[in-house]
Amino acid sequence: MSEKRFFTYKGYPLVRLGDQLYYGNMYDNYVVWMQILSKEKKGDLEVASKVKMYKMATDPSLPPMKAIVKQSERPTLYSALDMAYAWLGKQNA
């Protein structure tokens, strides 16, 4: 039986479906959900120009709106990932 692997960024799994990304381990207390709200063309590529982020508790007994403990908005996907890494790093330290 082969083990499934996720793409990781700075040691945490990163899963993307369209314009939504989940960053972190679901067995930890928190993950970060990111939504790409807008994109702009840079040469031949479309890059995120506005990303909304939510730090969410992974406790399945919480209603979705109560699970959100922190939110922010960033101008690039890289800056959003950098902030998400800081959020998760502080939580897991």
C-alpha atoms as a PDB file:
ATOM      1  CA  MET A   1       0.000   0.000   0.000  1.00  0.00           C
ATOM      2  CA  SER A   2       1.528   3.325  -1.025  1.00  0.00           C
ATOM      3  CA  GLU A   3       1.374   6.345   1.269  1.00  0.00           C
ATOM      4  CA  LYS A   4      -0.190   9.505  -0.186  1.00  0.00           C
ATOM      5  CA  ARG A   5       1.970  12.615   0.061  1.00  0.00           C
ATOM      6  CA  PHE A   6       0.911  16.254  -0.030  1.00  0.00           C
ATOM      7  CA  PHE A   7       2.869  19.146  -1.450  1.00  0.00           C
ATOM      8  CA  THR A   8       4.455  20.981   1.476  1.00  0.00           C
ATOM      9  CA  TYR A   9       5.628  24.528   2.075  1.00  0.00           C
ATOM     10  CA  LYS A  10       8.064  25.054   4.961  1.00  0.00           C
ATOM     11  CA  GLY A  11       7.132  21.674   6.405  1.00  0.00           C
ATOM     12  CA  TYR A  12       3.335  22.015   6.389  1.00  0.00           C
ATOM     13  CA  PRO A  13       0.983  20.396   3.850  1.00  0.00           C
ATOM     14  CA  LEU A  14      -0.486  22.752   1.229  1.00  0.00           C
ATOM     15  CA  VAL A  15      -3.598  21.623  -0.647  1.00  0.00           C
ATOM     16  CA  ARG A  16      -5.209  23.678  -3.412  1.00  0.00           C
ATOM     17  CA  LEU A  17      -8.568  23.352  -5.083  1.00  0.00           C
ATOM     18  CA  GLY A  18      -9.178  26.155  -7.567  1.00  0.00           C
ATOM     19  CA  ASP A  19      -8.795  29.464  -5.761  1.00  0.00           C
ATOM     20  CA  GLN A  20      -8.904  27.940  -2.265  1.00  0.00           C
ATOM     21  CA  LEU A  21      -5.923  26.615  -0.342  1.00  0.00           C
ATOM     22  CA  TYR A  22      -5.588  24.803   2.965  1.00  0.00           C
ATOM     23  CA  TYR A  23      -2.272  25.043   4.777  1.00  0.00           C
ATOM     24  CA  GLY A  24      -1.368  22.933   7.793  1.00  0.00           C
ATOM     25  CA  ASN A  25      -1.912  19.501   9.298  1.00  0.00           C
ATOM     26  CA  MET A  26      -5.520  18.583   9.979  1.00  0.00           C
ATOM     27  CA  TYR A  27      -4.435  16.664  13.101  1.00  0.00           C
ATOM     28  CA  ASP A  28      -2.991  19.875  14.623  1.00  0.00           C
ATOM     29  CA  ASN A  29      -5.242  22.314  16.491  1.00  0.00           C
ATOM     30  CA  TYR A  30      -5.319  24.870  13.646  1.00  0.00           C
ATOM     31  CA  VAL A  31      -5.007  25.171   9.875  1.00  0.00           C
ATOM     32  CA  VAL A  32      -5.108  28.219   7.621  1.00  0.00           C
ATOM     33  CA  TRP A  33      -7.711  28.493   4.862  1.00  0.00           C
ATOM     34  CA  MET A  34      -6.867  30.943   2.070  1.00  0.00           C
ATOM     35  CA  GLN A  35      -9.093  32.295  -0.686  1.00  0.00           C
ATOM     36  CA  ILE A  36      -7.657  33.989  -3.756  1.00  0.00           C
ATOM     37  CA  LEU A  37     -10.053  36.900  -4.232  1.00  0.00           C
ATOM     38  CA  SER A  38      -8.440  38.504  -7.275  1.00  0.00           C
ATOM     39  CA  LYS A  39      -5.686  37.863  -9.805  1.00  0.00           C
ATOM     40  CA  GLU A  40      -3.686  39.956 -12.239  1.00  0.00           C
ATOM     41  CA  LYS A  41      -1.736  39.119 -15.347  1.00  0.00           C
ATOM     42  CA  LYS A  42       2.084  39.201 -15.064  1.00  0.00           C
ATOM     43  CA  GLY A  43       3.483  38.329 -18.467  1.00  0.00           C
ATOM     44  CA  ASP A  44       1.958  34.966 -19.377  1.00  0.00           C
ATOM     45  CA  LEU A  45       0.994  34.103 -15.791  1.00  0.00           C
ATOM     46  CA  GLU A  46      -2.006  34.924 -13.642  1.00  0.00           C
ATOM     47  CA  VAL A  47      -0.888  35.701 -10.077  1.00  0.00           C
ATOM     48  CA  ALA A  48      -2.915  36.355  -6.949  1.00  0.00           C
ATOM     49  CA  SER A  49      -3.303  40.046  -6.162  1.00  0.00           C
ATOM     50  CA  LYS A  50      -5.605  39.700  -3.150  1.00  0.00           C
ATOM     51  CA  VAL A  51      -5.722  36.764  -0.712  1.00  0.00           C
ATOM     52  CA  LYS A  52      -8.062  36.443   2.275  1.00  0.00           C
ATOM     53  CA  MET A  53      -6.820  34.152   5.044  1.00  0.00           C
ATOM     54  CA  TYR A  54      -8.525  32.515   8.006  1.00  0.00           C
ATOM     55  CA  LYS A  55      -6.868  30.677  10.884  1.00  0.00           C
ATOM     56  CA  MET A  56      -9.335  27.947  11.804  1.00  0.00           C
ATOM     57  CA  ALA A  57      -9.601  25.429  14.607  1.00  0.00           C
ATOM     58  CA  THR A  58      -9.766  21.837  13.374  1.00  0.00           C
ATOM     59  CA  ASP A  59     -12.186  20.797  16.143  1.00  0.00           C
ATOM     60  CA  PRO A  60     -15.088  19.178  14.228  1.00  0.00           C
ATOM     61  CA  SER A  61     -17.565  19.965  17.029  1.00  0.00           C
ATOM     62  CA  LEU A  62     -17.253  23.737  16.409  1.00  0.00           C
ATOM     63  CA  PRO A  63     -19.583  25.484  13.962  1.00  0.00           C
ATOM     64  CA  PRO A  64     -17.605  26.935  10.999  1.00  0.00           C
ATOM     65  CA  MET A  65     -17.965  30.577  12.086  1.00  0.00           C
ATOM     66  CA  LYS A  66     -16.797  29.771  15.647  1.00  0.00           C
ATOM     67  CA  ALA A  67     -13.807  27.837  14.281  1.00  0.00           C
ATOM     68  CA  ILE A  68     -12.328  31.008  12.751  1.00  0.00           C
ATOM     69  CA  VAL A  69     -10.029  32.579  15.343  1.00  0.00           C
ATOM     70  CA  LYS A  70      -8.057  35.030  13.200  1.00  0.00           C
ATOM     71  CA  GLN A  71      -8.280  36.564   9.734  1.00  0.00           C
ATOM     72  CA  SER A  72      -6.229  38.807   7.502  1.00  0.00           C
ATOM     73  CA  GLU A  73      -5.827  39.903   3.909  1.00  0.00           C
ATOM     74  CA  ARG A  74      -2.592  39.961   1.905  1.00  0.00           C
ATOM     75  CA  PRO A  75      -1.655  41.351  -1.537  1.00  0.00           C
ATOM     76  CA  THR A  76       0.192  38.212  -2.761  1.00  0.00           C
ATOM     77  CA  LEU A  77       0.028  34.475  -2.267  1.00  0.00           C
ATOM     78  CA  TYR A  78       3.644  34.447  -1.072  1.00  0.00           C
ATOM     79  CA  SER A  79       2.954  37.010   1.666  1.00  0.00           C
ATOM     80  CA  ALA A  80      -0.174  35.055   2.674  1.00  0.00           C
ATOM     81  CA  LEU A  81       1.815  31.820   2.927  1.00  0.00           C
ATOM     82  CA  ASP A  82       4.497  33.600   4.931  1.00  0.00           C
ATOM     83  CA  MET A  83       1.921  34.904   7.417  1.00  0.00           C
ATOM     84  CA  ALA A  84       0.169  31.520   7.584  1.00  0.00           C
ATOM     85  CA  TYR A  85       3.503  29.882   8.412  1.00  0.00           C
ATOM     86  CA  ALA A  86       4.021  32.396  11.241  1.00  0.00           C
ATOM     87  CA  TRP A  87       0.504  31.749  12.581  1.00  0.00           C
ATOM     88  CA  LEU A  88       1.008  27.978  12.597  1.00  0.00           C
ATOM     89  CA  GLY A  89       4.556  28.213  13.934  1.00  0.00           C
ATOM     90  CA  LYS A  90       3.434  30.232  16.954  1.00  0.00           C
ATOM     91  CA  GLN A  91       0.613  27.799  17.610  1.00  0.00           C
ATOM     92  CA  ASN A  92       2.778  24.690  17.380  1.00  0.00           C
ATOM     93  CA  ALA A  93       5.803  26.055  19.289  1.00  0.00           C
END
